[in-house]
Amino acid sequence: MPPSEKMSAQELRASIGLSSIFGLRMLGMFVILPIFAIYAEHLPGGGDLTLVGFAIGAYGLTQAILQIPFGWWSDRYGRKTVIYIGLAIFAVGSFVAALGIDIYVVILGRVLQGAGAIAAPVMALAADLTRDEHRSKAMAMIGSTIGATFALSLIASPWLDRMIGVPGIFALTGALALAAMLVVYGVVPAESAVPHRHERQPRGRDDFWAVLKDPQLMRLNYGILALHAVLMALFIAVPFSLRAAGLALAQHWHVYLPVMLGSFVLMLPAILMARTASQVKTVFLGCVAVLLAGHLVMPWLMDSVWLIAFFLLVFFTSFNVLEACLPSLISRIAPRGAKGTAIGVFTSVQFFGAFLGAAAGGFLYGRWGGAGVVIFGAVLLVIWLILAVGMKVPATLSTRVYTIPELDRDRADGLTAQLRTLPGVHEARVVAGERRAYLKVDSVGFDEENVLKLIAGEIRTGDLATK
């Protein structure tokens, strides 16, 4: 039975629901980026750019600390339960930040916002509720939602600042977190709806250390750290640069809107061409190289609104491609039964990168201006490019289901062993009681005719070797 070319209704519903939750959640991190550094000039303590950077990045610090525990708990106690708790904590933090009368209260609110660390459980639930051949689509939807949320934040932030102010924006993000809880309840399918789910139970510390030491996961984890560190450091410098170039804060969206729309259009060819593992790696390396090149010429592009817009267009085209690719690669490489833990490590590093970039960006920009931010970002990107050269992109697997004759346990085990030896078959499981064989296959080298003949008893694997 060939795999369905389309996502099922449940997979589509899960992907849309979880993407929207992720988007509402990330809005709390992104929406203050274009305006907070300038707004903070009027807060007690806000004249210190190091504190301003810490206020922006404090969210990422507690996210980084708690993503692994939240992912671990979601493996043990259920994804939805942990997501509800995280959203409630985030809402409380949003309302505290809205009451901030000085930079320190805002920092406290941001710390609490980050303590609702649901990114890992959301991504793990997306992996649970989708088949292998469609998981990349679900993860790409989540990654694209992050990009779309970021774009919306940049465009809407100056307008929201004018309408309700920064305290109102914080309160709005708290209300959106409460709305996201309703989405979890009413839209996202229950975990019990996953058919034929037989993943092993997590082994706790064994899985954690296996995830932490995996060289391929380490490369991807460093990549997401560098990507978000560079992003956050950049948005300490960019608002001031636009203002210095003569563009008032309320008009910054005149740059952000065309930049984000243009970057989404320009990213499509790269996403569409990245079908095979080698193509994915080529696109990936190319995007990291473009980010590095853009940073190296950044000092010559910060004096003009048009040049700043050009730099941001180049930056976000590559950023959006990488942001969509990284979650998909993590979900495909993560060990079975420990996806929550693996994604927890990934998202922890991601948010630590956000904290590192904001805090370092505030410190460096306050002392050395844009040159400090450029050097910081360039060093991170050079290291990433070197590490990414050794990256191995896994093949995309599809699930095949076949009807088998009635078999006793010994014959079912024998058929399983034979199926696993076939070219292109990565996993095989025979469920005698259901009279079904479940295979995960790579289209390269896979011949379905061999499977059908093997099930029918017309050939044995030894016969294949002599052909």
Protein backbone atom coordinates (compact mmCIF):
# COMPACT_ATOMS: atom_id res chain seq x y z
CA MET A 1 0.00 0.00 0.00
CA PRO A 2 1.69 3.23 -1.09
CA PRO A 3 1.82 6.09 1.37
CA SER A 4 -0.71 8.90 1.11
CA GLU A 5 0.66 11.91 -0.74
CA LYS A 6 -1.40 14.24 1.44
CA MET A 7 -1.54 14.81 5.16
CA SER A 8 -4.55 13.24 6.84
CA ALA A 9 -7.26 15.47 8.32
CA GLN A 10 -5.90 14.74 11.81
CA GLU A 11 -2.32 15.55 10.79
CA LEU A 12 -3.39 18.80 9.16
CA ARG A 13 -5.51 19.76 12.17
CA ALA A 14 -2.66 18.98 14.55
CA SER A 15 -0.12 20.90 12.46
CA ILE A 16 -2.30 23.99 12.14
CA GLY A 17 -3.31 23.95 15.82
CA LEU A 18 0.21 23.48 17.15
CA SER A 19 1.63 26.06 14.73
CA SER A 20 -0.88 28.62 15.96
CA ILE A 21 0.00 27.87 19.60
CA PHE A 22 3.67 28.23 18.82
CA GLY A 23 3.01 31.47 16.98
CA LEU A 24 0.97 33.00 19.81
CA ARG A 25 3.69 31.98 22.25
CA MET A 26 6.57 33.35 20.20
CA LEU A 27 4.74 36.64 19.73
CA GLY A 28 5.56 37.42 23.35
CA MET A 29 9.26 37.18 22.56
CA PHE A 30 9.30 38.97 19.23
CA VAL A 31 6.76 41.77 19.49
CA ILE A 32 8.85 44.03 21.74
CA LEU A 33 12.08 43.66 19.73
CA PRO A 34 11.66 46.64 17.39
CA ILE A 35 10.53 49.07 20.10
CA PHE A 36 11.77 48.04 23.54
CA ALA A 37 15.31 49.44 23.39
CA ILE A 38 13.95 52.87 22.49
CA TYR A 39 10.99 52.60 24.91
CA ALA A 40 13.33 51.63 27.75
CA GLU A 41 15.11 55.00 27.51
CA HIS A 42 12.15 56.42 29.45
CA LEU A 43 12.11 53.71 32.16
CA PRO A 44 14.06 54.05 35.42
CA GLY A 45 17.22 52.02 34.81
CA GLY A 46 16.53 51.83 31.05
CA GLY A 47 19.47 54.02 30.11
CA ASP A 48 21.84 51.11 30.70
CA LEU A 49 21.85 49.11 27.44
CA THR A 50 23.21 46.06 29.25
CA LEU A 51 20.05 46.00 31.41
CA VAL A 52 17.92 46.62 28.33
CA GLY A 53 19.54 43.67 26.58
CA PHE A 54 19.02 41.56 29.68
CA ALA A 55 15.32 42.54 29.78
CA ILE A 56 14.89 41.47 26.17
CA GLY A 57 16.86 38.26 26.66
CA ALA A 58 15.69 37.27 30.16
CA TYR A 59 12.80 35.46 28.50
CA GLY A 60 15.31 33.27 26.67
CA LEU A 61 17.33 32.53 29.81
CA THR A 62 14.49 30.84 31.71
CA GLN A 63 13.34 29.18 28.50
CA ALA A 64 16.82 27.72 28.12
CA ILE A 65 16.89 26.45 31.71
CA LEU A 66 13.42 24.87 31.60
CA GLN A 67 13.05 23.51 28.05
CA ILE A 68 14.81 20.24 28.87
CA PRO A 69 12.72 19.57 32.02
CA PHE A 70 9.51 20.48 30.16
CA GLY A 71 10.42 18.19 27.26
CA TRP A 72 11.35 15.43 29.70
CA TRP A 73 8.10 15.86 31.65
CA SER A 74 6.11 15.77 28.42
CA ASP A 75 7.68 12.38 27.61
CA ARG A 76 6.55 11.11 31.00
CA TYR A 77 3.29 12.87 31.88
CA GLY A 78 1.78 13.80 28.53
CA ARG A 79 2.29 16.66 26.09
CA LYS A 80 -1.00 18.51 26.59
CA THR A 81 -0.78 18.66 30.38
CA VAL A 82 2.65 20.25 30.25
CA ILE A 83 1.54 22.69 27.51
CA TYR A 84 -1.39 23.92 29.64
CA ILE A 85 0.92 24.58 32.60
CA GLY A 86 3.46 26.41 30.48
CA LEU A 87 0.87 28.68 28.87
CA ALA A 88 -0.55 29.62 32.28
CA ILE A 89 2.91 30.58 33.59
CA PHE A 90 3.58 32.63 30.47
CA ALA A 91 0.31 34.54 30.89
CA VAL A 92 1.20 35.43 34.50
CA GLY A 93 4.60 36.72 33.40
CA SER A 94 3.03 38.83 30.67
CA PHE A 95 0.73 40.57 33.12
CA VAL A 96 3.64 41.20 35.54
CA ALA A 97 5.67 42.80 32.72
CA ALA A 98 2.64 44.96 31.84
CA LEU A 99 2.74 46.41 35.37
CA GLY A 100 6.47 47.20 35.16
CA ILE A 101 7.30 50.62 36.55
CA ASP A 102 11.04 50.22 36.01
CA ILE A 103 13.44 48.00 34.09
CA TYR A 104 13.77 45.52 36.95
CA VAL A 105 10.04 44.71 37.14
CA VAL A 106 10.01 44.21 33.37
CA ILE A 107 12.95 41.82 33.74
CA LEU A 108 10.98 39.87 36.39
CA GLY A 109 8.00 39.62 34.03
CA ARG A 110 10.21 38.44 31.19
CA VAL A 111 11.77 35.82 33.45
CA LEU A 112 8.29 34.50 34.29
CA GLN A 113 7.24 34.57 30.64
CA GLY A 114 10.19 32.37 29.78
CA ALA A 115 9.39 29.96 32.61
CA GLY A 116 6.45 28.66 30.59
CA ALA A 117 8.75 26.63 28.39
CA ILE A 118 6.36 24.78 26.05
CA ALA A 119 8.32 24.83 22.79
CA ALA A 120 9.72 21.31 23.25
CA PRO A 121 6.37 19.69 24.19
CA VAL A 122 4.65 21.42 21.24
CA MET A 123 7.25 20.21 18.75
CA ALA A 124 7.29 16.72 20.26
CA LEU A 125 3.49 16.52 20.04
CA ALA A 126 3.71 17.55 16.38
CA ALA A 127 6.14 14.67 15.83
CA ASP A 128 3.79 12.30 17.69
CA LEU A 129 0.73 13.24 15.63
CA THR A 130 2.29 13.02 12.17
CA ARG A 131 3.72 10.19 10.10
CA ASP A 132 7.37 10.23 9.11
CA GLU A 133 6.71 11.20 5.49
CA HIS A 134 4.68 14.25 6.61
CA ARG A 135 6.62 15.22 9.72
CA SER A 136 8.87 17.55 7.77
CA LYS A 137 5.78 19.38 6.56
CA ALA A 138 4.48 19.79 10.11
CA MET A 139 7.85 21.03 11.37
CA ALA A 140 8.18 23.35 8.39
CA MET A 141 4.75 24.77 9.24
CA ILE A 142 5.93 25.45 12.79
CA GLY A 143 9.19 26.95 11.53
CA SER A 144 7.32 29.08 9.01
CA THR A 145 4.95 30.20 11.76
CA ILE A 146 7.95 31.46 13.73
CA GLY A 147 9.03 33.45 10.69
CA ALA A 148 5.50 34.74 10.06
CA THR A 149 5.12 35.68 13.74
CA PHE A 150 8.40 37.52 13.61
CA ALA A 151 7.30 39.36 10.46
CA LEU A 152 3.96 40.27 12.03
CA SER A 153 5.73 41.46 15.18
CA LEU A 154 8.06 43.77 13.27
CA ILE A 155 5.21 45.26 11.27
CA ALA A 156 2.60 45.52 14.02
CA SER A 157 4.88 46.48 16.90
CA PRO A 158 5.26 50.22 16.09
CA TRP A 159 1.50 50.47 15.46
CA LEU A 160 0.64 48.66 18.71
CA ASP A 161 3.10 50.87 20.57
CA ARG A 162 1.26 53.93 19.30
CA MET A 163 -2.18 52.47 20.15
CA ILE A 164 -1.70 50.74 23.53
CA GLY A 165 1.94 51.26 24.49
CA VAL A 166 4.47 48.64 25.56
CA PRO A 167 2.55 47.77 28.80
CA GLY A 168 -0.53 47.15 26.68
CA ILE A 169 1.47 44.91 24.36
CA PHE A 170 2.59 42.80 27.31
CA ALA A 171 -1.02 42.49 28.51
CA LEU A 172 -2.13 41.53 25.00
CA THR A 173 0.41 38.71 24.82
CA GLY A 174 -0.91 37.40 28.16
CA ALA A 175 -4.44 37.35 26.77
CA LEU A 176 -3.23 35.54 23.65
CA ALA A 177 -1.59 32.87 25.84
CA LEU A 178 -4.95 32.23 27.50
CA ALA A 179 -6.53 31.99 24.03
CA ALA A 180 -3.85 29.45 23.07
CA MET A 181 -5.03 27.20 25.92
CA LEU A 182 -8.43 27.07 24.22
CA VAL A 183 -6.73 26.04 20.98
CA VAL A 184 -4.97 23.19 22.80
CA TYR A 185 -8.31 22.02 24.17
CA GLY A 186 -10.52 22.47 21.13
CA VAL A 187 -8.30 22.03 18.08
CA VAL A 188 -5.26 19.86 18.79
CA PRO A 189 -6.05 16.11 18.72
CA ALA A 190 -5.47 14.05 21.85
CA GLU A 191 -2.28 11.99 22.08
CA SER A 192 -4.44 8.86 22.36
CA ALA A 193 -5.57 9.53 18.77
CA VAL A 194 -2.18 8.41 17.42
CA PRO A 195 -2.64 5.01 15.72
CA HIS A 196 -0.11 2.21 16.12
CA ARG A 197 2.14 4.18 18.43
CA HIS A 198 4.56 1.77 20.05
CA GLU A 199 7.49 3.93 21.00
CA ARG A 200 9.47 2.77 24.00
CA GLN A 201 9.32 4.64 27.26
CA PRO A 202 12.13 7.12 27.86
CA ARG A 203 15.07 5.88 29.91
CA GLY A 204 15.65 9.18 31.67
CA ARG A 205 19.31 10.07 32.03
CA ASP A 206 20.43 7.49 29.46
CA ASP A 207 18.36 9.22 26.77
CA PHE A 208 19.46 12.65 27.94
CA TRP A 209 23.17 11.87 27.67
CA ALA A 210 22.70 10.05 24.36
CA VAL A 211 20.96 13.13 22.96
CA LEU A 212 23.54 15.50 24.42
CA LYS A 213 26.54 13.59 22.98
CA ASP A 214 25.17 12.91 19.49
CA PRO A 215 27.54 14.77 17.10
CA GLN A 216 24.85 15.50 14.51
CA LEU A 217 22.46 16.88 17.12
CA MET A 218 25.33 18.95 18.54
CA ARG A 219 25.84 20.61 15.14
CA LEU A 220 22.16 21.50 14.86
CA ASN A 221 22.01 22.69 18.47
CA TYR A 222 24.94 25.04 17.92
CA GLY A 223 23.30 26.27 14.74
CA ILE A 224 20.06 27.31 16.43
CA LEU A 225 22.06 28.99 19.22
CA ALA A 226 24.08 31.03 16.72
CA LEU A 227 21.04 31.89 14.59
CA HIS A 228 19.04 33.36 17.47
CA ALA A 229 22.02 35.00 19.15
CA VAL A 230 22.80 36.85 15.94
CA LEU A 231 19.13 37.81 15.52
CA MET A 232 18.73 39.25 19.01
CA ALA A 233 22.04 41.13 18.93
CA LEU A 234 21.03 42.59 15.59
CA PHE A 235 17.83 44.02 17.04
CA ILE A 236 19.72 45.93 19.66
CA ALA A 237 21.50 47.78 16.83
CA VAL A 238 18.91 48.02 14.03
CA PRO A 239 16.26 50.21 15.75
CA PHE A 240 18.91 52.75 16.74
CA SER A 241 20.44 52.63 13.25
CA LEU A 242 17.09 53.29 11.59
CA ARG A 243 16.45 56.20 13.93
CA ALA A 244 19.93 57.60 13.28
CA ALA A 245 19.28 57.30 9.53
CA GLY A 246 16.28 59.62 9.96
CA LEU A 247 13.36 57.18 10.28
CA ALA A 248 11.07 57.74 13.28
CA LEU A 249 10.12 54.70 15.39
CA ALA A 250 6.48 54.85 14.26
CA GLN A 251 7.69 54.52 10.66
CA HIS A 252 10.03 51.56 11.10
CA TRP A 253 7.35 49.26 9.72
CA HIS A 254 7.89 50.97 6.35
CA VAL A 255 11.16 49.03 6.25
CA TYR A 256 10.07 45.84 8.00
CA LEU A 257 6.95 45.16 5.90
CA PRO A 258 8.58 45.03 2.44
CA VAL A 259 11.64 43.28 3.88
CA MET A 260 9.62 40.45 5.41
CA LEU A 261 7.33 40.06 2.39
CA GLY A 262 10.33 40.01 0.09
CA SER A 263 12.23 37.51 2.24
CA PHE A 264 9.32 35.06 2.21
CA VAL A 265 9.14 35.24 -1.59
CA LEU A 266 12.90 34.80 -1.97
CA MET A 267 13.06 31.83 0.42
CA LEU A 268 10.60 29.75 -1.63
CA PRO A 269 13.04 28.65 -4.38
CA ALA A 270 15.52 27.44 -1.75
CA ILE A 271 12.83 25.49 0.14
CA LEU A 272 11.40 23.96 -3.05
CA MET A 273 14.75 22.82 -4.43
CA ALA A 274 15.84 21.16 -1.18
CA ARG A 275 14.33 17.73 -1.79
CA THR A 276 17.17 15.24 -1.47
CA ALA A 277 19.59 15.06 1.46
CA SER A 278 22.44 16.55 -0.60
CA GLN A 279 20.26 19.42 -1.79
CA VAL A 280 19.16 20.19 1.77
CA LYS A 281 22.78 20.37 2.89
CA THR A 282 23.76 22.61 -0.05
CA VAL A 283 20.95 25.06 0.70
CA PHE A 284 21.74 24.95 4.41
CA LEU A 285 25.43 25.75 3.93
CA GLY A 286 24.61 28.45 1.40
CA CYS A 287 22.27 30.23 3.82
CA VAL A 288 24.85 30.19 6.64
CA ALA A 289 27.45 31.58 4.23
CA VAL A 290 25.06 34.38 3.14
CA LEU A 291 24.43 35.33 6.77
CA LEU A 292 28.18 35.54 7.36
CA ALA A 293 28.80 37.61 4.22
CA GLY A 294 25.99 39.98 5.18
CA HIS A 295 27.52 40.51 8.62
CA LEU A 296 30.94 41.25 7.20
CA VAL A 297 29.60 44.09 5.04
CA MET A 298 27.08 45.30 7.64
CA PRO A 299 29.18 48.30 8.87
CA TRP A 300 28.96 49.87 5.40
CA LEU A 301 25.16 49.42 5.23
CA MET A 302 23.97 51.14 8.41
CA ASP A 303 24.01 54.80 7.34
CA SER A 304 21.09 54.69 4.90
CA VAL A 305 17.52 53.46 5.32
CA TRP A 306 17.69 51.83 1.89
CA LEU A 307 20.93 50.00 2.66
CA ILE A 308 19.63 48.85 6.04
CA ALA A 309 16.55 47.50 4.26
CA PHE A 310 18.76 45.65 1.75
CA PHE A 311 20.82 44.11 4.55
CA LEU A 312 17.66 43.00 6.39
CA LEU A 313 16.24 41.47 3.20
CA VAL A 314 19.36 39.36 2.70
CA PHE A 315 19.48 38.44 6.38
CA PHE A 316 15.84 37.35 6.71
CA THR A 317 15.78 35.39 3.47
CA SER A 318 18.51 33.12 4.85
CA PHE A 319 17.14 33.27 8.40
CA ASN A 320 13.70 32.04 7.30
CA VAL A 321 15.13 29.11 5.34
CA LEU A 322 17.30 27.99 8.28
CA GLU A 323 14.48 28.52 10.78
CA ALA A 324 12.27 26.18 8.73
CA CYS A 325 14.99 23.54 8.19
CA LEU A 326 16.37 23.16 11.70
CA PRO A 327 13.24 21.82 13.51
CA SER A 328 12.64 19.33 10.69
CA LEU A 329 16.21 18.02 10.88
CA ILE A 330 16.06 17.68 14.66
CA SER A 331 12.80 15.70 14.53
CA ARG A 332 14.26 13.31 11.95
CA ILE A 333 17.56 12.72 13.79
CA ALA A 334 16.13 12.56 17.35
CA PRO A 335 16.08 9.03 18.86
CA ARG A 336 12.76 7.24 19.07
CA GLY A 337 11.18 7.53 22.51
CA ALA A 338 13.28 10.58 23.36
CA LYS A 339 11.98 13.15 20.91
CA GLY A 340 10.74 15.34 23.74
CA THR A 341 14.17 15.24 25.38
CA ALA A 342 16.03 15.89 22.11
CA ILE A 343 13.75 18.75 21.14
CA GLY A 344 13.98 20.04 24.70
CA VAL A 345 17.77 20.31 24.35
CA PHE A 346 17.36 21.97 20.94
CA THR A 347 14.88 24.58 22.15
CA SER A 348 16.88 25.19 25.34
CA VAL A 349 19.91 26.04 23.26
CA GLN A 350 17.75 28.16 20.95
CA PHE A 351 16.46 30.30 23.79
CA PHE A 352 19.86 30.49 25.44
CA GLY A 353 21.07 31.85 22.13
CA ALA A 354 18.34 34.50 22.31
CA PHE A 355 19.43 35.46 25.82
CA LEU A 356 23.12 35.45 24.89
CA GLY A 357 22.52 37.58 21.80
CA ALA A 358 20.36 40.16 23.57
CA ALA A 359 22.60 40.47 26.63
CA ALA A 360 25.86 40.50 24.65
CA GLY A 361 24.35 42.77 22.01
CA GLY A 362 23.28 45.34 24.61
CA PHE A 363 26.69 45.26 26.29
CA LEU A 364 28.69 45.44 23.05
CA TYR A 365 26.55 48.07 21.36
CA GLY A 366 26.62 50.24 24.47
CA ARG A 367 30.44 50.26 24.46
CA TRP A 368 31.58 49.81 20.85
CA GLY A 369 28.49 50.49 18.78
CA GLY A 370 27.70 48.47 15.67
CA ALA A 371 31.27 47.16 15.32
CA GLY A 372 30.90 45.12 18.52
CA VAL A 373 27.68 43.52 17.25
CA VAL A 374 29.25 42.73 13.86
CA ILE A 375 32.29 41.00 15.36
CA PHE A 376 30.12 39.02 17.78
CA GLY A 377 27.81 37.76 15.02
CA ALA A 378 30.63 37.04 12.55
CA VAL A 379 32.52 34.86 15.04
CA LEU A 380 29.41 32.80 15.80
CA LEU A 381 28.64 32.34 12.09
CA VAL A 382 32.20 31.32 11.14
CA ILE A 383 32.10 28.55 13.77
CA TRP A 384 28.66 27.44 12.52
CA LEU A 385 29.80 27.27 8.91
CA ILE A 386 32.77 25.09 9.87
CA LEU A 387 30.57 22.74 11.91
CA ALA A 388 27.84 22.56 9.25
CA VAL A 389 30.30 21.23 6.65
CA GLY A 390 30.35 17.93 8.57
CA MET A 391 26.56 17.73 8.88
CA LYS A 392 24.84 14.54 7.69
CA VAL A 393 21.27 15.02 6.48
CA PRO A 394 19.11 11.90 6.97
CA ALA A 395 17.01 10.53 4.15
CA THR A 396 13.28 11.24 4.22
CA LEU A 397 11.44 8.03 5.13
CA SER A 398 7.90 7.08 4.22
CA THR A 399 5.60 4.61 5.95
CA ARG A 400 4.23 1.61 4.00
CA VAL A 401 1.55 -0.73 5.32
CA TYR A 402 0.97 -4.21 3.85
CA THR A 403 -1.61 -6.91 4.49
CA ILE A 404 -0.01 -10.27 5.37
CA PRO A 405 -1.35 -13.83 5.66
CA GLU A 406 -2.25 -15.26 9.05
CA LEU A 407 1.03 -16.14 10.80
CA ASP A 408 2.07 -17.59 14.13
CA ARG A 409 4.56 -15.69 16.26
CA ASP A 410 7.68 -17.50 15.04
CA ARG A 411 6.82 -16.99 11.37
CA ALA A 412 5.94 -13.33 12.04
CA ASP A 413 9.35 -12.82 13.67
CA GLY A 414 11.02 -14.52 10.71
CA LEU A 415 9.17 -12.31 8.24
CA THR A 416 10.17 -9.21 10.25
CA ALA A 417 13.83 -10.22 10.10
CA GLN A 418 13.62 -10.82 6.35
CA LEU A 419 11.88 -7.52 5.66
CA ARG A 420 14.56 -5.63 7.57
CA THR A 421 17.23 -6.96 5.19
CA LEU A 422 15.56 -5.60 2.05
CA PRO A 423 17.27 -2.66 0.28
CA GLY A 424 15.75 0.69 1.28
CA VAL A 425 13.97 -0.66 4.38
CA HIS A 426 15.01 1.19 7.56
CA GLU A 427 12.45 -0.28 9.97
CA ALA A 428 10.04 -3.20 9.78
CA ARG A 429 7.40 -4.40 12.23
CA VAL A 430 4.96 -7.26 11.72
CA VAL A 431 1.79 -7.32 13.85
CA ALA A 432 0.42 -10.82 13.40
CA GLY A 433 -2.84 -10.12 15.23
CA GLU A 434 -3.65 -7.25 12.84
CA ARG A 435 -2.27 -9.13 9.81
CA ARG A 436 -0.26 -6.03 8.94
CA ALA A 437 3.38 -5.28 8.19
CA TYR A 438 4.60 -1.72 8.85
CA LEU A 439 7.71 -0.55 7.01
CA LYS A 440 9.66 2.72 7.04
CA VAL A 441 11.48 3.01 3.74
CA ASP A 442 13.78 5.27 1.79
CA SER A 443 12.67 5.53 -1.82
CA VAL A 444 16.31 5.27 -2.93
CA GLY A 445 16.97 1.57 -3.54
CA PHE A 446 13.52 0.41 -2.37
CA ASP A 447 11.60 -1.99 -4.61
CA GLU A 448 8.05 -2.69 -3.45
CA GLU A 449 7.83 -5.78 -5.65
CA ASN A 450 10.40 -7.50 -3.43
CA VAL A 451 8.22 -6.85 -0.37
CA LEU A 452 5.09 -8.23 -2.04
CA LYS A 453 6.92 -11.37 -3.18
CA LEU A 454 8.47 -11.89 0.24
CA ILE A 455 5.09 -11.61 1.97
CA ALA A 456 3.55 -14.00 -0.57
CA GLY A 457 6.35 -16.51 0.07
CA GLU A 458 7.49 -16.44 -3.55
CA ILE A 459 11.08 -15.50 -2.66
CA ARG A 460 13.37 -15.37 0.35
CA THR A 461 15.99 -12.73 1.09
CA GLY A 462 18.73 -15.16 0.09
CA ASP A 463 17.20 -15.35 -3.38
CA LEU A 464 17.43 -11.52 -3.69
CA ALA A 465 21.15 -11.64 -3.06
CA THR A 466 21.68 -14.02 -6.01
CA LYS A 467 19.75 -11.86 -8.50
